Amino acid sequence: GEGSKIEMHGRPYHRTWTLLSKDAHPGDTELFLRGELESMGWQKGDRVGLATTTQGISTVHRIKDFSPATEWQLVPDRATAGFSVTSWEGPENVIDGNSNRYWGSYCASSCDHDAQWIEVFLEEPSNITKMYINWDGSRYAPKYKVEGRTPLGDLETIAEVERDWGGWAEVHGELC
C-alpha cells in the first residue's frame, strides 16, 4: 500500500556460480572448483547449491573452509599423431615417462604441415590450466597452439605459444 517500502541487504557477488574441475561423488567432503572463490565474493558460511548433471536431487551446502588451489598430475591414457618421422618416434613416447624418448614429427616439405599434431587422451576429463612440454634443443616448434576438447568434443584453443628455444616450456591457459 501507500508508504510501503522494501529494503534488501546483502553483499555483491562477482560471480554466482562456477564449474567443478573434478567430478564430485556421493560422500565426497570437498569440491574442486574452477573459480577462485574469494575473487568471486564467496565466503565461509555461504550457502551453495550443487546441481546434478543426471537425474537426481540437487543439494544445498554451507562453505566450511577454503583450501589453496591444488594441482594433480593428470594420467595420460594414450596418444595419437597426424605424422611421425619413424616408428620409434611415435606419439606414445610423449606419455611413457622416459625423457630419453620423444615423438618426432619433422617432415619439412615431405608432408602437409597440418599433419604435425599430437593428441593426448587422459584417463578422465580434467580442467587443464598448466602443462609442461619438454622440447629437444635442436628440434622444437617456435610457434604452436595447445588445444583441448570441450565436453561436446569440439577443439578449443587453450594457449598459443611463440618461443625461439628448446627445453622445458611452461604453458598456461584454461579450457572453459
C-alpha atoms as a PDB file:
ATOM      1  CA  GLY A   1       0.000   0.000   0.000  1.00  0.00           C
ATOM      2  CA  GLU A   2       0.873   3.644   0.162  1.00  0.00           C
ATOM      3  CA  GLY A   3       4.038   4.314   2.103  1.00  0.00           C
ATOM      4  CA  SER A   4       5.180   0.689   1.848  1.00  0.00           C
ATOM      5  CA  LYS A   5       8.859   0.118   1.406  1.00  0.00           C
ATOM      6  CA  ILE A   6      11.006  -2.923   0.608  1.00  0.00           C
ATOM      7  CA  GLU A   7      14.680  -2.962   1.555  1.00  0.00           C
ATOM      8  CA  MET A   8      17.134  -5.674   0.532  1.00  0.00           C
ATOM      9  CA  HIS A   9      20.517  -6.006   2.153  1.00  0.00           C
ATOM     10  CA  GLY A  10      23.481  -8.200   1.282  1.00  0.00           C
ATOM     11  CA  ARG A  11      26.849  -8.163  -0.330  1.00  0.00           C
ATOM     12  CA  PRO A  12      27.665  -8.281  -4.028  1.00  0.00           C
ATOM     13  CA  TYR A  13      28.880 -11.451  -5.660  1.00  0.00           C
ATOM     14  CA  HIS A  14      31.173 -11.023  -8.634  1.00  0.00           C
ATOM     15  CA  ARG A  15      30.097 -14.439  -9.837  1.00  0.00           C
ATOM     16  CA  THR A  16      27.249 -16.548  -8.518  1.00  0.00           C
ATOM     17  CA  TRP A  17      28.283 -19.899 -10.000  1.00  0.00           C
ATOM     18  CA  THR A  18      31.342 -21.885 -11.028  1.00  0.00           C
ATOM     19  CA  LEU A  19      32.100 -25.268 -12.561  1.00  0.00           C
ATOM     20  CA  LEU A  20      33.722 -28.280 -10.968  1.00  0.00           C
ATOM     21  CA  SER A  21      37.253 -29.035 -12.138  1.00  0.00           C
ATOM     22  CA  LYS A  22      36.996 -32.627 -10.900  1.00  0.00           C
ATOM     23  CA  ASP A  23      33.902 -34.827 -10.652  1.00  0.00           C
ATOM     24  CA  ALA A  24      32.127 -34.938  -7.266  1.00  0.00           C
ATOM     25  CA  HIS A  25      30.826 -38.257  -5.992  1.00  0.00           C
ATOM     26  CA  PRO A  26      28.329 -39.115  -3.225  1.00  0.00           C
ATOM     27  CA  GLY A  27      30.073 -38.893   0.141  1.00  0.00           C
ATOM     28  CA  ASP A  28      32.838 -36.516  -1.012  1.00  0.00           C
ATOM     29  CA  THR A  29      33.694 -33.918   1.620  1.00  0.00           C
ATOM     30  CA  GLU A  30      35.436 -31.436  -0.655  1.00  0.00           C
ATOM     31  CA  LEU A  31      34.882 -29.978  -4.095  1.00  0.00           C
ATOM     32  CA  PHE A  32      37.476 -28.970  -6.669  1.00  0.00           C
ATOM     33  CA  LEU A  33      36.257 -25.811  -8.378  1.00  0.00           C
ATOM     34  CA  ARG A  34      37.450 -23.878 -11.427  1.00  0.00           C
ATOM     35  CA  GLY A  35      36.988 -20.390  -9.978  1.00  0.00           C
ATOM     36  CA  GLU A  36      38.885 -18.605  -7.215  1.00  0.00           C
ATOM     37  CA  LEU A  37      36.202 -18.341  -4.527  1.00  0.00           C
ATOM     38  CA  GLU A  38      37.486 -15.232  -2.763  1.00  0.00           C
ATOM     39  CA  SER A  39      37.734 -13.275  -6.032  1.00  0.00           C
ATOM     40  CA  MET A  40      34.136 -14.276  -6.822  1.00  0.00           C
ATOM     41  CA  GLY A  41      32.977 -12.852  -3.474  1.00  0.00           C
ATOM     42  CA  TRP A  42      32.247 -16.197  -1.806  1.00  0.00           C
ATOM     43  CA  GLN A  43      32.915 -16.529   1.924  1.00  0.00           C
ATOM     44  CA  LYS A  44      32.966 -19.173   4.652  1.00  0.00           C
ATOM     45  CA  GLY A  45      29.427 -19.809   5.841  1.00  0.00           C
ATOM     46  CA  ASP A  46      27.795 -19.030   2.476  1.00  0.00           C
ATOM     47  CA  ARG A  47      25.167 -21.469   1.244  1.00  0.00           C
ATOM     48  CA  VAL A  48      25.849 -23.063  -2.133  1.00  0.00           C
ATOM     49  CA  GLY A  49      23.764 -25.347  -4.283  1.00  0.00           C
ATOM     50  CA  LEU A  50      25.274 -28.336  -6.015  1.00  0.00           C
ATOM     51  CA  ALA A  51      23.271 -29.179  -9.130  1.00  0.00           C
ATOM     52  CA  THR A  52      23.275 -32.696 -10.513  1.00  0.00           C
ATOM     53  CA  THR A  53      24.104 -33.416 -14.143  1.00  0.00           C
ATOM     54  CA  THR A  54      21.952 -36.533 -14.176  1.00  0.00           C
ATOM     55  CA  GLN A  55      18.572 -37.359 -12.757  1.00  0.00           C
ATOM     56  CA  GLY A  56      18.724 -36.939  -9.048  1.00  0.00           C
ATOM     57  CA  ILE A  57      18.340 -34.416  -6.287  1.00  0.00           C
ATOM     58  CA  SER A  58      20.399 -31.230  -6.198  1.00  0.00           C
ATOM     59  CA  THR A  59      21.690 -30.371  -2.727  1.00  0.00           C
ATOM     60  CA  VAL A  60      22.453 -27.266  -0.674  1.00  0.00           C
ATOM     61  CA  HIS A  61      25.599 -26.998   1.478  1.00  0.00           C
ATOM     62  CA  ARG A  62      27.483 -24.426   3.557  1.00  0.00           C
ATOM     63  CA  ILE A  63      31.084 -23.479   2.817  1.00  0.00           C
ATOM     64  CA  LYS A  64      33.141 -24.622   5.817  1.00  0.00           C
ATOM     65  CA  ASP A  65      36.605 -23.644   4.619  1.00  0.00           C
ATOM     66  CA  PHE A  66      38.743 -22.790   1.612  1.00  0.00           C
ATOM     67  CA  SER A  67      41.920 -24.627   0.718  1.00  0.00           C
ATOM     68  CA  PRO A  68      44.620 -23.377  -1.615  1.00  0.00           C
ATOM     69  CA  ALA A  69      44.254 -24.469  -5.209  1.00  0.00           C
ATOM     70  CA  THR A  70      45.842 -27.844  -5.743  1.00  0.00           C
ATOM     71  CA  GLU A  71      47.490 -29.347  -8.753  1.00  0.00           C
ATOM     72  CA  TRP A  72      47.465 -33.006  -9.525  1.00  0.00           C
ATOM     73  CA  GLN A  73      49.301 -34.998 -12.105  1.00  0.00           C
ATOM     74  CA  LEU A  74      46.943 -35.954 -14.896  1.00  0.00           C
ATOM     75  CA  VAL A  75      47.104 -39.560 -16.051  1.00  0.00           C
ATOM     76  CA  PRO A  76      47.505 -39.978 -19.804  1.00  0.00           C
ATOM     77  CA  ASP A  77      45.729 -42.914 -21.395  1.00  0.00           C
ATOM     78  CA  ARG A  78      47.051 -42.849 -24.965  1.00  0.00           C
ATOM     79  CA  ALA A  79      48.438 -40.517 -27.632  1.00  0.00           C
ATOM     80  CA  THR A  80      47.893 -40.255 -31.382  1.00  0.00           C
ATOM     81  CA  ALA A  81      49.543 -38.063 -34.001  1.00  0.00           C
ATOM     82  CA  GLY A  82      48.991 -36.839 -37.539  1.00  0.00           C
ATOM     83  CA  PHE A  83      52.564 -37.689 -38.564  1.00  0.00           C
ATOM     84  CA  SER A  84      55.585 -39.459 -37.058  1.00  0.00           C
ATOM     85  CA  VAL A  85      59.048 -39.497 -38.617  1.00  0.00           C
ATOM     86  CA  THR A  86      59.766 -43.141 -37.760  1.00  0.00           C
ATOM     87  CA  SER A  87      58.048 -45.940 -35.881  1.00  0.00           C
ATOM     88  CA  TRP A  88      60.454 -45.478 -32.933  1.00  0.00           C
ATOM     89  CA  GLU A  89      59.486 -41.784 -32.685  1.00  0.00           C
ATOM     90  CA  GLY A  90      55.763 -42.466 -32.232  1.00  0.00           C
ATOM     91  CA  PRO A  91      53.355 -40.352 -30.168  1.00  0.00           C
ATOM     92  CA  GLU A  92      53.198 -42.912 -27.347  1.00  0.00           C
ATOM     93  CA  ASN A  93      56.719 -41.762 -26.419  1.00  0.00           C
ATOM     94  CA  VAL A  94      55.417 -38.461 -25.033  1.00  0.00           C
ATOM     95  CA  ILE A  95      53.466 -40.241 -22.280  1.00  0.00           C
ATOM     96  CA  ASP A  96      55.732 -43.184 -21.396  1.00  0.00           C
ATOM     97  CA  GLY A  97      57.680 -41.294 -18.693  1.00  0.00           C
ATOM     98  CA  ASN A  98      61.050 -41.825 -20.418  1.00  0.00           C
ATOM     99  CA  SER A  99      62.642 -38.419 -21.094  1.00  0.00           C
ATOM    100  CA  ASN A 100      65.160 -40.034 -23.480  1.00  0.00           C
ATOM    101  CA  ARG A 101      62.396 -40.927 -25.958  1.00  0.00           C
ATOM    102  CA  TYR A 102      60.376 -38.456 -27.982  1.00  0.00           C
ATOM    103  CA  TRP A 103      57.805 -38.000 -30.692  1.00  0.00           C
ATOM    104  CA  GLY A 104      59.336 -36.928 -33.997  1.00  0.00           C
ATOM    105  CA  SER A 105      57.146 -35.003 -36.420  1.00  0.00           C
ATOM    106  CA  TYR A 106      59.592 -33.027 -38.548  1.00  0.00           C
ATOM    107  CA  CYS A 107      58.674 -33.585 -42.175  1.00  0.00           C
ATOM    108  CA  ALA A 108      59.812 -30.370 -43.955  1.00  0.00           C
ATOM    109  CA  SER A 109      58.448 -30.410 -47.496  1.00  0.00           C
ATOM    110  CA  SER A 110      57.553 -34.110 -47.472  1.00  0.00           C
ATOM    111  CA  CYS A 111      54.198 -33.702 -45.672  1.00  0.00           C
ATOM    112  CA  ASP A 112      51.314 -31.351 -45.130  1.00  0.00           C
ATOM    113  CA  HIS A 113      52.213 -29.206 -42.110  1.00  0.00           C
ATOM    114  CA  ASP A 114      48.618 -29.590 -40.909  1.00  0.00           C
ATOM    115  CA  ALA A 115      49.642 -33.194 -40.177  1.00  0.00           C
ATOM    116  CA  GLN A 116      52.063 -32.053 -37.445  1.00  0.00           C
ATOM    117  CA  TRP A 117      49.850 -32.509 -34.420  1.00  0.00           C
ATOM    118  CA  ILE A 118      49.688 -34.778 -31.425  1.00  0.00           C
ATOM    119  CA  GLU A 119      46.667 -35.564 -29.258  1.00  0.00           C
ATOM    120  CA  VAL A 120      46.992 -36.904 -25.724  1.00  0.00           C
ATOM    121  CA  PHE A 121      43.950 -38.599 -24.186  1.00  0.00           C
ATOM    122  CA  LEU A 122      43.564 -38.523 -20.393  1.00  0.00           C
ATOM    123  CA  GLU A 123      42.076 -41.253 -18.184  1.00  0.00           C
ATOM    124  CA  GLU A 124      39.369 -38.860 -17.018  1.00  0.00           C
ATOM    125  CA  PRO A 125      38.078 -35.439 -18.104  1.00  0.00           C
ATOM    126  CA  SER A 126      40.128 -32.709 -16.435  1.00  0.00           C
ATOM    127  CA  ASN A 127      40.343 -28.945 -16.214  1.00  0.00           C
ATOM    128  CA  ILE A 128      43.752 -28.145 -17.691  1.00  0.00           C
ATOM    129  CA  THR A 129      45.285 -24.863 -16.525  1.00  0.00           C
ATOM    130  CA  LYS A 130      49.015 -25.521 -16.876  1.00  0.00           C
ATOM    131  CA  MET A 131      51.268 -28.035 -18.575  1.00  0.00           C
ATOM    132  CA  TYR A 132      54.964 -28.596 -19.136  1.00  0.00           C
ATOM    133  CA  ILE A 133      56.354 -29.533 -22.523  1.00  0.00           C
ATOM    134  CA  ASN A 134      59.983 -30.573 -22.989  1.00  0.00           C
ATOM    135  CA  TRP A 135      61.294 -29.650 -26.440  1.00  0.00           C
ATOM    136  CA  ASP A 136      64.528 -31.030 -27.869  1.00  0.00           C
ATOM    137  CA  GLY A 137      67.103 -28.234 -28.123  1.00  0.00           C
ATOM    138  CA  SER A 138      67.615 -28.737 -31.855  1.00  0.00           C
ATOM    139  CA  ARG A 139      64.066 -29.779 -32.781  1.00  0.00           C
ATOM    140  CA  TYR A 140      61.358 -27.620 -31.310  1.00  0.00           C
ATOM    141  CA  ALA A 141      58.332 -25.714 -32.528  1.00  0.00           C
ATOM    142  CA  PRO A 142      58.937 -21.955 -32.449  1.00  0.00           C
ATOM    143  CA  LYS A 143      55.191 -21.339 -32.709  1.00  0.00           C
ATOM    144  CA  TYR A 144      52.426 -23.726 -31.666  1.00  0.00           C
ATOM    145  CA  LYS A 145      48.890 -23.978 -30.311  1.00  0.00           C
ATOM    146  CA  VAL A 146      47.692 -26.092 -27.418  1.00  0.00           C
ATOM    147  CA  GLU A 147      44.083 -27.179 -27.838  1.00  0.00           C
ATOM    148  CA  GLY A 148      41.686 -29.182 -25.735  1.00  0.00           C
ATOM    149  CA  ARG A 149      38.376 -30.868 -26.342  1.00  0.00           C
ATOM    150  CA  THR A 150      35.235 -29.409 -24.810  1.00  0.00           C
ATOM    151  CA  PRO A 151      32.660 -31.728 -23.217  1.00  0.00           C
ATOM    152  CA  LEU A 152      30.894 -31.713 -26.608  1.00  0.00           C
ATOM    153  CA  GLY A 153      34.096 -32.879 -28.354  1.00  0.00           C
ATOM    154  CA  ASP A 154      34.952 -29.610 -30.125  1.00  0.00           C
ATOM    155  CA  LEU A 155      38.564 -28.384 -30.198  1.00  0.00           C
ATOM    156  CA  GLU A 156      39.164 -25.122 -28.364  1.00  0.00           C
ATOM    157  CA  THR A 157      42.455 -23.231 -28.083  1.00  0.00           C
ATOM    158  CA  ILE A 158      43.938 -23.291 -24.574  1.00  0.00           C
ATOM    159  CA  ALA A 159      47.111 -21.337 -25.421  1.00  0.00           C
ATOM    160  CA  GLU A 160      49.150 -20.017 -28.344  1.00  0.00           C
ATOM    161  CA  VAL A 161      52.895 -20.044 -27.743  1.00  0.00           C
ATOM    162  CA  GLU A 162      55.857 -18.411 -29.504  1.00  0.00           C
ATOM    163  CA  ARG A 163      59.424 -19.028 -28.342  1.00  0.00           C
ATOM    164  CA  ASP A 164      62.787 -19.454 -30.015  1.00  0.00           C
ATOM    165  CA  TRP A 165      64.482 -22.096 -27.899  1.00  0.00           C
ATOM    166  CA  GLY A 166      64.073 -25.721 -26.862  1.00  0.00           C
ATOM    167  CA  GLY A 167      63.922 -27.162 -23.352  1.00  0.00           C
ATOM    168  CA  TRP A 168      61.056 -27.056 -20.886  1.00  0.00           C
ATOM    169  CA  ALA A 169      58.116 -24.803 -21.688  1.00  0.00           C
ATOM    170  CA  GLU A 170      55.513 -23.991 -19.048  1.00  0.00           C
ATOM    171  CA  VAL A 171      52.223 -23.357 -20.834  1.00  0.00           C
ATOM    172  CA  HIS A 172      49.318 -21.636 -19.071  1.00  0.00           C
ATOM    173  CA  GLY A 173      45.732 -21.467 -20.225  1.00  0.00           C
ATOM    174  CA  GLU A 174      42.293 -22.749 -19.419  1.00  0.00           C
ATOM    175  CA  LEU A 175      39.751 -24.748 -21.301  1.00  0.00           C
ATOM    176  CA  CYS A 176      36.325 -23.467 -20.325  1.00  0.00           C
END
